[in-house]
Amino acid sequence: MSREPYRARWAGTDYEASADLVDGRLHLRLYGSAPADGFEKVAPGRFVRAVPAADCSAVWHVTTVCEWHGAPFLVHTAREAELLIEYTGGDALHAAGLGLERIERGVYRIWVKREEVSALSEKLVKIVSR
């Protein structure tokens, strides 16, 4: 499961990435797990380098999805052995029946143990390709 909402291909390698505007231009912070030229250590096993988005040959938006009790969910975030999942089934009565917390109209979430979910997978949508 990706920690960041984007993935970018830069200099022939794919990285987890996050986006930022710098002087009105889109830049991506690329995250690696090992030291590399131009990458700065920000935490143990976590290295970052900012590059202009225009220098990336591809950029994808990443979402993680799963099923819980047979219903479809988006993984919102994770902590230790738990996932915060958000119901995507569009049925408020079913969401209530599952015991989900209503965050706002049409948005239902719950913290669950990671081992309780099935069909955990990433969905990538390419947003830049050169």
N, C-alpha and C. Protein backbone atom coordinates (compact mmCIF):
# COMPACT_ATOMS: atom_id res chain seq x y z
N MET A 1 0.85 -1.17 0.00
CA MET A 1 0.00 0.00 0.00
C MET A 1 0.89 1.24 0.00
N SER A 2 0.64 2.11 -0.94
CA SER A 2 1.44 3.33 -1.09
C SER A 2 1.15 4.30 0.05
N ARG A 3 2.20 4.94 0.56
CA ARG A 3 2.03 5.95 1.60
C ARG A 3 1.66 7.29 0.99
N GLU A 4 1.95 7.48 -0.28
CA GLU A 4 1.74 8.76 -0.94
C GLU A 4 0.67 8.62 -2.03
N PRO A 5 0.00 9.74 -2.38
CA PRO A 5 -1.10 9.66 -3.35
C PRO A 5 -0.68 9.57 -4.82
N TYR A 6 0.62 9.68 -5.09
CA TYR A 6 1.08 9.64 -6.48
C TYR A 6 2.25 8.68 -6.62
N ARG A 7 2.50 8.27 -7.83
CA ARG A 7 3.70 7.53 -8.19
C ARG A 7 4.25 8.23 -9.44
N ALA A 8 5.56 8.39 -9.50
CA ALA A 8 6.17 9.10 -10.63
C ALA A 8 7.37 8.32 -11.15
N ARG A 9 7.55 8.35 -12.47
CA ARG A 9 8.74 7.76 -13.09
C ARG A 9 9.68 8.89 -13.44
N TRP A 10 10.85 8.87 -12.81
CA TRP A 10 11.87 9.89 -13.03
C TRP A 10 13.20 9.19 -13.25
N ALA A 11 13.90 9.58 -14.29
CA ALA A 11 15.21 8.99 -14.63
C ALA A 11 15.13 7.47 -14.69
N GLY A 12 14.00 6.96 -15.21
CA GLY A 12 13.84 5.52 -15.44
C GLY A 12 13.44 4.71 -14.22
N THR A 13 13.21 5.35 -13.07
CA THR A 13 12.84 4.64 -11.86
C THR A 13 11.50 5.17 -11.34
N ASP A 14 10.67 4.27 -10.83
CA ASP A 14 9.38 4.65 -10.26
C ASP A 14 9.54 4.93 -8.76
N TYR A 15 8.91 6.03 -8.32
CA TYR A 15 8.97 6.45 -6.92
C TYR A 15 7.57 6.77 -6.42
N GLU A 16 7.34 6.56 -5.11
CA GLU A 16 6.18 7.17 -4.49
C GLU A 16 6.41 8.66 -4.56
N ALA A 17 5.33 9.44 -4.67
CA ALA A 17 5.50 10.88 -4.83
C ALA A 17 4.34 11.65 -4.21
N SER A 18 4.61 12.90 -3.88
CA SER A 18 3.56 13.83 -3.47
C SER A 18 3.79 15.12 -4.26
N ALA A 19 2.73 15.88 -4.46
CA ALA A 19 2.79 17.07 -5.32
C ALA A 19 2.84 18.35 -4.50
N ASP A 20 3.46 19.38 -5.10
CA ASP A 20 3.56 20.69 -4.46
C ASP A 20 3.74 21.75 -5.54
N LEU A 21 3.23 22.94 -5.30
CA LEU A 21 3.47 24.06 -6.20
C LEU A 21 4.66 24.85 -5.70
N VAL A 22 5.63 25.10 -6.58
CA VAL A 22 6.80 25.90 -6.26
C VAL A 22 6.90 26.99 -7.32
N ASP A 23 6.75 28.24 -6.89
CA ASP A 23 6.76 29.38 -7.81
C ASP A 23 5.78 29.19 -8.97
N GLY A 24 4.59 28.67 -8.64
CA GLY A 24 3.54 28.50 -9.64
C GLY A 24 3.72 27.30 -10.57
N ARG A 25 4.72 26.47 -10.32
CA ARG A 25 4.97 25.29 -11.15
C ARG A 25 4.85 24.03 -10.31
N LEU A 26 4.32 22.99 -10.91
CA LEU A 26 4.12 21.73 -10.22
C LEU A 26 5.44 20.99 -10.05
N HIS A 27 5.74 20.64 -8.83
CA HIS A 27 6.92 19.83 -8.49
C HIS A 27 6.45 18.57 -7.78
N LEU A 28 7.23 17.54 -7.86
CA LEU A 28 6.93 16.30 -7.16
C LEU A 28 8.05 16.00 -6.18
N ARG A 29 7.67 15.62 -4.99
CA ARG A 29 8.64 15.11 -4.02
C ARG A 29 8.68 13.60 -4.23
N LEU A 30 9.83 13.10 -4.62
CA LEU A 30 10.02 11.67 -4.87
C LEU A 30 10.56 11.02 -3.61
N TYR A 31 10.01 9.87 -3.25
CA TYR A 31 10.41 9.19 -2.03
C TYR A 31 11.04 7.84 -2.36
N GLY A 32 12.22 7.62 -1.79
CA GLY A 32 12.91 6.35 -1.97
C GLY A 32 13.23 5.73 -0.62
N SER A 33 13.57 4.45 -0.64
CA SER A 33 13.87 3.74 0.60
C SER A 33 15.37 3.55 0.81
N ALA A 34 16.19 4.01 -0.17
CA ALA A 34 17.64 3.86 -0.07
C ALA A 34 18.31 5.16 -0.51
N PRO A 35 19.53 5.42 -0.03
CA PRO A 35 20.24 6.63 -0.45
C PRO A 35 20.45 6.63 -1.97
N ALA A 36 20.37 7.83 -2.58
CA ALA A 36 20.61 8.01 -4.01
C ALA A 36 21.05 9.45 -4.23
N ASP A 37 21.73 9.69 -5.36
CA ASP A 37 22.22 11.04 -5.67
C ASP A 37 21.08 12.05 -5.64
N GLY A 38 21.28 13.12 -4.88
CA GLY A 38 20.31 14.20 -4.81
C GLY A 38 19.17 13.97 -3.85
N PHE A 39 19.11 12.80 -3.22
CA PHE A 39 18.05 12.51 -2.25
C PHE A 39 18.56 12.82 -0.84
N GLU A 40 17.67 13.42 -0.04
CA GLU A 40 18.01 13.79 1.32
C GLU A 40 17.31 12.82 2.28
N LYS A 41 18.02 12.37 3.29
CA LYS A 41 17.44 11.49 4.29
C LYS A 41 16.51 12.30 5.18
N VAL A 42 15.25 11.87 5.30
CA VAL A 42 14.29 12.58 6.14
C VAL A 42 13.84 11.74 7.33
N ALA A 43 14.10 10.44 7.27
CA ALA A 43 13.77 9.51 8.35
C ALA A 43 14.53 8.22 8.05
N PRO A 44 14.66 7.35 9.02
CA PRO A 44 15.33 6.07 8.73
C PRO A 44 14.63 5.34 7.58
N GLY A 45 15.39 5.03 6.53
CA GLY A 45 14.83 4.33 5.38
C GLY A 45 13.90 5.16 4.51
N ARG A 46 13.96 6.48 4.64
CA ARG A 46 13.08 7.39 3.88
C ARG A 46 13.93 8.54 3.35
N PHE A 47 13.99 8.65 2.01
CA PHE A 47 14.79 9.67 1.33
C PHE A 47 13.90 10.43 0.37
N VAL A 48 14.14 11.73 0.20
CA VAL A 48 13.28 12.56 -0.64
C VAL A 48 14.11 13.45 -1.55
N ARG A 49 13.56 13.70 -2.74
CA ARG A 49 14.15 14.64 -3.68
C ARG A 49 12.99 15.31 -4.42
N ALA A 50 13.04 16.64 -4.54
CA ALA A 50 12.02 17.39 -5.28
C ALA A 50 12.51 17.60 -6.71
N VAL A 51 11.61 17.36 -7.67
CA VAL A 51 11.92 17.56 -9.09
C VAL A 51 10.72 18.22 -9.76
N PRO A 52 10.94 19.01 -10.83
CA PRO A 52 9.81 19.53 -11.58
C PRO A 52 9.00 18.38 -12.18
N ALA A 53 7.69 18.48 -12.11
CA ALA A 53 6.84 17.43 -12.68
C ALA A 53 7.14 17.22 -14.17
N ALA A 54 7.55 18.29 -14.85
CA ALA A 54 7.85 18.20 -16.28
C ALA A 54 9.05 17.28 -16.56
N ASP A 55 9.88 17.02 -15.54
CA ASP A 55 11.02 16.12 -15.71
C ASP A 55 10.66 14.66 -15.56
N CYS A 56 9.43 14.37 -15.18
CA CYS A 56 8.98 12.99 -14.98
C CYS A 56 8.36 12.47 -16.28
N SER A 57 8.70 11.23 -16.63
CA SER A 57 8.16 10.65 -17.87
C SER A 57 6.75 10.11 -17.69
N ALA A 58 6.34 9.85 -16.44
CA ALA A 58 4.98 9.40 -16.17
C ALA A 58 4.64 9.74 -14.73
N VAL A 59 3.35 10.02 -14.50
CA VAL A 59 2.84 10.27 -13.16
C VAL A 59 1.48 9.58 -13.06
N TRP A 60 1.28 8.86 -11.95
CA TRP A 60 0.01 8.17 -11.71
C TRP A 60 -0.58 8.65 -10.40
N HIS A 61 -1.92 8.71 -10.35
CA HIS A 61 -2.61 8.91 -9.08
C HIS A 61 -2.90 7.52 -8.52
N VAL A 62 -2.61 7.32 -7.23
CA VAL A 62 -2.73 6.00 -6.61
C VAL A 62 -3.83 6.01 -5.55
N THR A 63 -4.75 5.06 -5.64
CA THR A 63 -5.72 4.84 -4.58
C THR A 63 -5.65 3.36 -4.19
N THR A 64 -5.90 3.10 -2.94
CA THR A 64 -5.91 1.72 -2.45
C THR A 64 -7.35 1.37 -2.10
N VAL A 65 -7.80 0.23 -2.60
CA VAL A 65 -9.17 -0.22 -2.39
C VAL A 65 -9.16 -1.59 -1.73
N CYS A 66 -10.30 -1.96 -1.15
CA CYS A 66 -10.43 -3.27 -0.52
C CYS A 66 -11.91 -3.60 -0.38
N GLU A 67 -12.15 -4.77 0.19
CA GLU A 67 -13.51 -5.17 0.56
C GLU A 67 -13.51 -5.50 2.04
N TRP A 68 -14.61 -5.19 2.68
CA TRP A 68 -14.80 -5.53 4.09
C TRP A 68 -16.25 -5.98 4.23
N HIS A 69 -16.46 -7.14 4.76
CA HIS A 69 -17.80 -7.73 4.87
C HIS A 69 -18.52 -7.73 3.52
N GLY A 70 -17.74 -7.96 2.45
CA GLY A 70 -18.31 -8.06 1.10
C GLY A 70 -18.64 -6.74 0.44
N ALA A 71 -18.36 -5.64 1.11
CA ALA A 71 -18.69 -4.31 0.57
C ALA A 71 -17.40 -3.62 0.10
N PRO A 72 -17.52 -2.71 -0.90
CA PRO A 72 -16.34 -2.02 -1.44
C PRO A 72 -15.94 -0.81 -0.59
N PHE A 73 -14.62 -0.65 -0.42
CA PHE A 73 -14.09 0.45 0.38
C PHE A 73 -12.84 1.03 -0.26
N LEU A 74 -12.60 2.29 0.05
CA LEU A 74 -11.37 3.00 -0.26
C LEU A 74 -10.57 3.05 1.03
N VAL A 75 -9.28 2.72 0.96
CA VAL A 75 -8.43 2.83 2.16
C VAL A 75 -8.02 4.29 2.28
N HIS A 76 -8.47 4.90 3.35
CA HIS A 76 -8.21 6.33 3.56
C HIS A 76 -6.83 6.57 4.16
N THR A 77 -6.47 5.79 5.18
CA THR A 77 -5.15 5.89 5.81
C THR A 77 -4.88 4.61 6.60
N ALA A 78 -3.67 4.49 7.10
CA ALA A 78 -3.28 3.31 7.87
C ALA A 78 -2.50 3.72 9.10
N ARG A 79 -2.60 2.90 10.12
CA ARG A 79 -1.77 3.06 11.33
C ARG A 79 -1.52 1.66 11.87
N GLU A 80 -0.29 1.38 12.18
CA GLU A 80 0.13 0.09 12.69
C GLU A 80 -0.61 -1.05 11.99
N ALA A 81 -1.50 -1.77 12.69
CA ALA A 81 -2.18 -2.93 12.11
C ALA A 81 -3.63 -2.62 11.73
N GLU A 82 -3.95 -1.32 11.61
CA GLU A 82 -5.32 -0.93 11.30
C GLU A 82 -5.40 -0.08 10.03
N LEU A 83 -6.57 -0.13 9.41
CA LEU A 83 -6.85 0.70 8.24
C LEU A 83 -8.10 1.52 8.50
N LEU A 84 -8.09 2.77 8.08
CA LEU A 84 -9.30 3.59 8.08
C LEU A 84 -9.88 3.45 6.69
N ILE A 85 -11.03 2.81 6.61
CA ILE A 85 -11.63 2.55 5.30
C ILE A 85 -12.92 3.35 5.14
N GLU A 86 -13.18 3.75 3.89
CA GLU A 86 -14.32 4.58 3.56
C GLU A 86 -15.21 3.84 2.56
N TYR A 87 -16.45 3.68 2.90
CA TYR A 87 -17.42 2.93 2.10
C TYR A 87 -17.67 3.62 0.76
N THR A 88 -17.63 2.84 -0.32
CA THR A 88 -17.87 3.40 -1.66
C THR A 88 -19.08 2.76 -2.33
N GLY A 89 -19.89 2.06 -1.56
CA GLY A 89 -21.03 1.35 -2.14
C GLY A 89 -22.25 2.20 -2.43
N GLY A 90 -22.33 3.40 -1.86
CA GLY A 90 -23.41 4.33 -2.18
C GLY A 90 -24.77 3.98 -1.57
N ASP A 91 -24.82 3.10 -0.59
CA ASP A 91 -26.09 2.70 0.03
C ASP A 91 -26.04 3.04 1.51
N ALA A 92 -26.69 4.13 1.91
CA ALA A 92 -26.64 4.61 3.29
C ALA A 92 -27.19 3.58 4.27
N LEU A 93 -28.24 2.87 3.89
CA LEU A 93 -28.81 1.86 4.78
C LEU A 93 -27.83 0.72 5.01
N HIS A 94 -27.13 0.30 3.95
CA HIS A 94 -26.14 -0.76 4.08
C HIS A 94 -24.98 -0.27 4.95
N ALA A 95 -24.54 0.97 4.75
CA ALA A 95 -23.46 1.55 5.54
C ALA A 95 -23.84 1.55 7.03
N ALA A 96 -25.05 1.95 7.33
CA ALA A 96 -25.51 1.96 8.72
C ALA A 96 -25.55 0.54 9.27
N GLY A 97 -26.00 -0.41 8.46
CA GLY A 97 -26.05 -1.80 8.87
C GLY A 97 -24.68 -2.39 9.17
N LEU A 98 -23.67 -1.86 8.54
CA LEU A 98 -22.29 -2.31 8.78
C LEU A 98 -21.68 -1.66 10.03
N GLY A 99 -22.40 -0.69 10.61
CA GLY A 99 -21.90 -0.02 11.80
C GLY A 99 -20.89 1.07 11.52
N LEU A 100 -20.92 1.63 10.31
CA LEU A 100 -19.96 2.66 9.92
C LEU A 100 -20.32 4.01 10.54
N GLU A 101 -19.30 4.81 10.79
CA GLU A 101 -19.51 6.15 11.31
C GLU A 101 -19.78 7.10 10.15
N ARG A 102 -20.87 7.86 10.26
CA ARG A 102 -21.19 8.86 9.22
C ARG A 102 -20.35 10.10 9.49
N ILE A 103 -19.47 10.43 8.54
CA ILE A 103 -18.58 11.59 8.67
C ILE A 103 -19.29 12.84 8.16
N GLU A 104 -19.97 12.70 7.04
CA GLU A 104 -20.80 13.75 6.46
C GLU A 104 -21.74 13.05 5.49
N ARG A 105 -22.60 13.79 4.85
CA ARG A 105 -23.57 13.18 3.95
C ARG A 105 -22.87 12.31 2.90
N GLY A 106 -23.21 11.03 2.89
CA GLY A 106 -22.67 10.10 1.90
C GLY A 106 -21.27 9.58 2.19
N VAL A 107 -20.67 9.96 3.32
CA VAL A 107 -19.31 9.52 3.66
C VAL A 107 -19.37 8.72 4.96
N TYR A 108 -18.97 7.45 4.87
CA TYR A 108 -19.02 6.53 6.01
C TYR A 108 -17.66 5.85 6.16
N ARG A 109 -17.12 5.87 7.38
CA ARG A 109 -15.79 5.31 7.64
C ARG A 109 -15.79 4.44 8.88
N ILE A 110 -14.74 3.62 8.95
CA ILE A 110 -14.53 2.79 10.14
C ILE A 110 -13.07 2.35 10.19
N TRP A 111 -12.51 2.25 11.39
CA TRP A 111 -11.19 1.66 11.58
C TRP A 111 -11.38 0.16 11.73
N VAL A 112 -10.60 -0.62 10.97
CA VAL A 112 -10.66 -2.08 11.06
C VAL A 112 -9.25 -2.65 11.11
N LYS A 113 -9.14 -3.86 11.60
CA LYS A 113 -7.85 -4.54 11.58
C LYS A 113 -7.52 -4.91 10.15
N ARG A 114 -6.27 -4.74 9.78
CA ARG A 114 -5.81 -5.01 8.42
C ARG A 114 -6.19 -6.41 7.95
N GLU A 115 -6.11 -7.39 8.85
CA GLU A 115 -6.42 -8.77 8.44
C GLU A 115 -7.91 -9.01 8.20
N GLU A 116 -8.77 -8.06 8.55
CA GLU A 116 -10.21 -8.20 8.31
C GLU A 116 -10.62 -7.85 6.88
N VAL A 117 -9.76 -7.16 6.14
CA VAL A 117 -10.12 -6.77 4.77
C VAL A 117 -9.63 -7.81 3.77
N SER A 118 -10.29 -7.82 2.62
CA SER A 118 -9.86 -8.71 1.53
C SER A 118 -9.74 -7.88 0.26
N ALA A 119 -9.21 -8.49 -0.77
CA ALA A 119 -9.07 -7.86 -2.09
C ALA A 119 -8.36 -6.50 -2.01
N LEU A 120 -7.37 -6.41 -1.15
CA LEU A 120 -6.61 -5.17 -0.99
C LEU A 120 -5.73 -4.97 -2.23
N SER A 121 -5.92 -3.84 -2.92
CA SER A 121 -5.13 -3.59 -4.13
C SER A 121 -5.02 -2.10 -4.41
N GLU A 122 -4.01 -1.76 -5.20
CA GLU A 122 -3.83 -0.38 -5.63
C GLU A 122 -4.44 -0.19 -7.02
N LYS A 123 -5.05 0.95 -7.21
CA LYS A 123 -5.58 1.36 -8.51
C LYS A 123 -4.77 2.57 -8.95
N LEU A 124 -4.15 2.46 -10.13
CA LEU A 124 -3.33 3.56 -10.65
C LEU A 124 -4.03 4.16 -11.87
N VAL A 125 -4.11 5.48 -11.89
CA VAL A 125 -4.65 6.21 -13.03
C VAL A 125 -3.53 7.10 -13.55
N LYS A 126 -3.10 6.85 -14.78
CA LYS A 126 -2.01 7.65 -15.35
C LYS A 126 -2.53 9.05 -15.66
N ILE A 127 -1.83 10.06 -15.13
CA ILE A 127 -2.24 11.44 -15.38
C ILE A 127 -1.23 12.20 -16.22
N VAL A 128 -0.01 11.68 -16.34
CA VAL A 128 1.01 12.27 -17.20
C VAL A 128 1.77 11.14 -17.86
N SER A 129 1.98 11.28 -19.17
CA SER A 129 2.77 10.30 -19.90
C SER A 129 3.52 11.02 -21.00
N ARG A 130 4.83 10.81 -21.04
CA ARG A 130 5.65 11.45 -22.08
C ARG A 130 6.36 10.38 -22.87
